[in-house]
Amino acid sequence: MTKELSTAGDQRRSQLLRGVLDLCLLSLIAERPRYGYEFVEALTESGLELVSEGSIYPLLARMERAGLVESYRAPSSSGGAPRKYYRLSEAGRAELDHGRAVWREFATQADRILARTAGTQLPTGTKQPTVSTETERPTGGTTS
C-alpha cells in the first residue's frame, strides 16, 4: 500500500491513510477526472507522499466494481497510449458525502480525546510519580 516507511511516525501515518485513502481518491476525482499517476502526484502535493501507484490501482478497481467510479479511455496528451481516466458516479458522490461526514465526526471525537492530555506531558528526564501500595507510616514520632 505504501512506499518504504522510515520512521514510527510514517508507520502511523500509513495506518491512518489506509482508513481514508478511498475517500481521498473519491475527493480527487470529484475535482476532475484523473488517471492513475495523477493520483500519486496529487496526494504527494498534499503531503501524503506515502502512497504508491501499486496501491492506488487495486483500490480504483474495487471502487469501479462497487459502482463508485466509472472509467473511460482518452488519448494521452504526450502522444502515448490512451490513458484510463476515472470519474465519479452518482453512487460515488453519495459515498464521498457520507464518508466526509463520518470522517469529520471521527476526527472531532479523536481530537477531543487527544486534546485532553495535550500539554500535560512531563518534561524530558522527569520521572512519572509512583503510587505506593503500602500504607505509609508516620515518621518522626515514637512508637509504643
Protein backbone atom coordinates (compact mmCIF):
# COMPACT_ATOMS: atom_id res chain seq x y z
CA MET A 1 0.00 0.00 0.00
CA THR A 2 2.71 2.43 0.85
CA LYS A 3 6.27 3.27 0.00
CA GLU A 4 9.12 2.24 2.30
CA LEU A 5 8.45 3.53 5.82
CA SER A 6 11.41 5.02 7.63
CA THR A 7 10.01 6.07 10.99
CA ALA A 8 7.36 5.17 13.51
CA GLY A 9 5.61 8.41 12.52
CA ASP A 10 5.47 7.27 8.90
CA GLN A 11 4.02 3.95 10.02
CA ARG A 12 1.27 5.69 12.00
CA ARG A 13 0.52 7.99 9.04
CA SER A 14 0.35 4.95 6.77
CA GLN A 15 -2.16 3.24 9.05
CA LEU A 16 -4.31 6.38 9.23
CA LEU A 17 -4.14 6.80 5.47
CA ARG A 18 -5.35 3.24 4.87
CA GLY A 19 -8.63 4.17 6.51
CA VAL A 20 -9.26 7.22 4.34
CA LEU A 21 -7.43 6.60 1.06
CA ASP A 22 -10.66 5.70 -0.72
CA LEU A 23 -12.21 8.99 0.41
CA CYS A 24 -9.13 10.90 -0.70
CA LEU A 25 -9.31 9.30 -4.15
CA LEU A 26 -13.05 9.99 -4.43
CA SER A 27 -12.44 13.60 -3.44
CA LEU A 28 -9.69 14.00 -6.03
CA ILE A 29 -11.94 12.50 -8.72
CA ALA A 30 -14.74 14.89 -7.66
CA GLU A 31 -12.41 17.78 -8.60
CA ARG A 32 -11.95 16.37 -12.12
CA PRO A 33 -11.46 13.03 -13.88
CA ARG A 34 -7.95 11.66 -13.33
CA TYR A 35 -5.72 8.80 -14.45
CA GLY A 36 -3.58 6.64 -12.16
CA TYR A 37 -0.33 8.55 -11.82
CA GLU A 38 -2.17 11.84 -11.34
CA PHE A 39 -3.49 10.46 -8.05
CA VAL A 40 0.05 9.85 -6.78
CA GLU A 41 1.08 13.37 -7.81
CA ALA A 42 -1.97 14.99 -6.17
CA LEU A 43 -1.55 13.01 -2.95
CA THR A 44 2.17 13.84 -2.82
CA GLU A 45 1.44 17.55 -3.38
CA SER A 46 -1.00 17.36 -0.46
CA GLY A 47 1.62 15.87 1.86
CA LEU A 48 0.53 12.24 1.54
CA GLU A 49 3.65 11.02 -0.23
CA LEU A 50 3.45 7.56 1.34
CA VAL A 51 1.10 6.25 -1.37
CA SER A 52 2.45 4.35 -4.37
CA GLU A 53 0.80 3.63 -7.71
CA GLY A 54 0.74 -0.05 -6.79
CA SER A 55 -1.74 0.64 -4.01
CA ILE A 56 -3.95 3.00 -5.98
CA TYR A 57 -4.82 0.79 -8.95
CA PRO A 58 -6.32 -2.10 -6.94
CA LEU A 59 -8.36 0.39 -4.90
CA LEU A 60 -9.63 2.10 -8.06
CA ALA A 61 -10.59 -1.31 -9.49
CA ARG A 62 -12.54 -2.16 -6.30
CA MET A 63 -14.28 1.21 -6.37
CA GLU A 64 -15.18 0.67 -10.03
CA ARG A 65 -16.63 -2.79 -9.30
CA ALA A 66 -18.63 -1.23 -6.44
CA GLY A 67 -20.05 1.35 -8.85
CA LEU A 68 -18.43 4.34 -7.10
CA VAL A 69 -16.34 5.37 -10.12
CA GLU A 70 -16.58 4.90 -13.86
CA SER A 71 -13.62 4.65 -16.21
CA TYR A 72 -13.05 5.66 -19.78
CA ARG A 73 -10.07 5.85 -22.12
CA ALA A 74 -8.79 9.10 -23.57
CA PRO A 75 -5.76 9.95 -25.69
CA SER A 76 -2.60 10.85 -23.82
CA SER A 77 -1.56 14.49 -24.07
CA SER A 78 2.02 13.27 -24.54
CA GLY A 79 1.03 11.27 -27.62
CA GLY A 80 1.44 7.87 -25.99
CA ALA A 81 -1.11 5.14 -25.46
CA PRO A 82 -4.60 6.16 -24.33
CA ARG A 83 -4.94 6.61 -20.57
CA LYS A 84 -7.63 5.18 -18.35
CA TYR A 85 -9.41 8.04 -16.58
CA TYR A 86 -11.77 7.74 -13.62
CA ARG A 87 -14.82 9.89 -12.96
CA LEU A 88 -17.23 9.88 -10.05
CA SER A 89 -20.59 8.13 -10.39
CA GLU A 90 -23.69 9.28 -8.51
CA ALA A 91 -23.14 6.45 -6.03
CA GLY A 92 -19.55 7.63 -5.62
CA ARG A 93 -20.67 11.18 -4.93
CA ALA A 94 -23.11 9.92 -2.28
CA GLU A 95 -20.36 7.75 -0.74
CA LEU A 96 -17.99 10.72 -0.68
CA ASP A 97 -20.56 12.93 1.04
CA HIS A 98 -21.29 10.23 3.62
CA GLY A 99 -17.60 9.46 4.11
CA ARG A 100 -16.78 13.13 4.69
CA ALA A 101 -19.43 13.32 7.42
CA VAL A 102 -18.15 10.14 9.07
CA TRP A 103 -14.55 11.39 8.86
CA ARG A 104 -15.40 14.78 10.40
CA GLU A 105 -17.25 13.12 13.28
CA PHE A 106 -14.45 10.60 13.87
CA ALA A 107 -11.69 13.23 13.67
CA THR A 108 -13.57 15.50 16.07
CA GLN A 109 -14.02 12.70 18.60
CA ALA A 110 -10.40 11.54 18.33
CA ASP A 111 -9.14 15.12 18.60
CA ARG A 112 -11.27 15.67 21.70
CA ILE A 113 -9.58 12.70 23.39
CA LEU A 114 -6.08 13.65 22.26
CA ALA A 115 -6.57 17.28 23.32
CA ARG A 116 -7.44 16.25 26.90
CA THR A 117 -3.85 15.33 27.61
CA ALA A 118 -2.14 17.85 25.36
CA GLY A 119 0.30 19.89 27.40
CA THR A 120 0.21 17.52 30.37
CA GLN A 121 3.30 15.59 29.38
CA LEU A 122 6.17 15.57 31.83
CA PRO A 123 9.35 17.39 30.84
CA THR A 124 12.10 15.23 29.37
CA GLY A 125 14.03 13.43 32.09
CA THR A 126 11.26 13.74 34.67
CA LYS A 127 10.11 10.50 36.25
CA GLN A 128 6.44 9.63 36.46
CA PRO A 129 5.31 9.75 40.13
CA THR A 130 4.79 6.31 41.59
CA VAL A 131 1.92 5.28 43.78
CA SER A 132 2.83 3.21 46.79
CA THR A 133 0.70 0.19 47.51
CA GLU A 134 1.89 0.02 51.11
CA THR A 135 0.28 2.03 53.88
CA GLU A 136 2.50 4.95 54.75
CA ARG A 137 3.65 5.18 58.35
CA PRO A 138 4.09 8.49 60.12
CA THR A 139 7.71 9.45 60.70
CA GLY A 140 9.36 11.41 63.47
CA GLY A 141 7.14 10.10 66.25
CA THR A 142 7.72 7.38 68.80
CA THR A 143 6.03 4.06 68.61
CA SER A 144 4.67 2.29 71.63
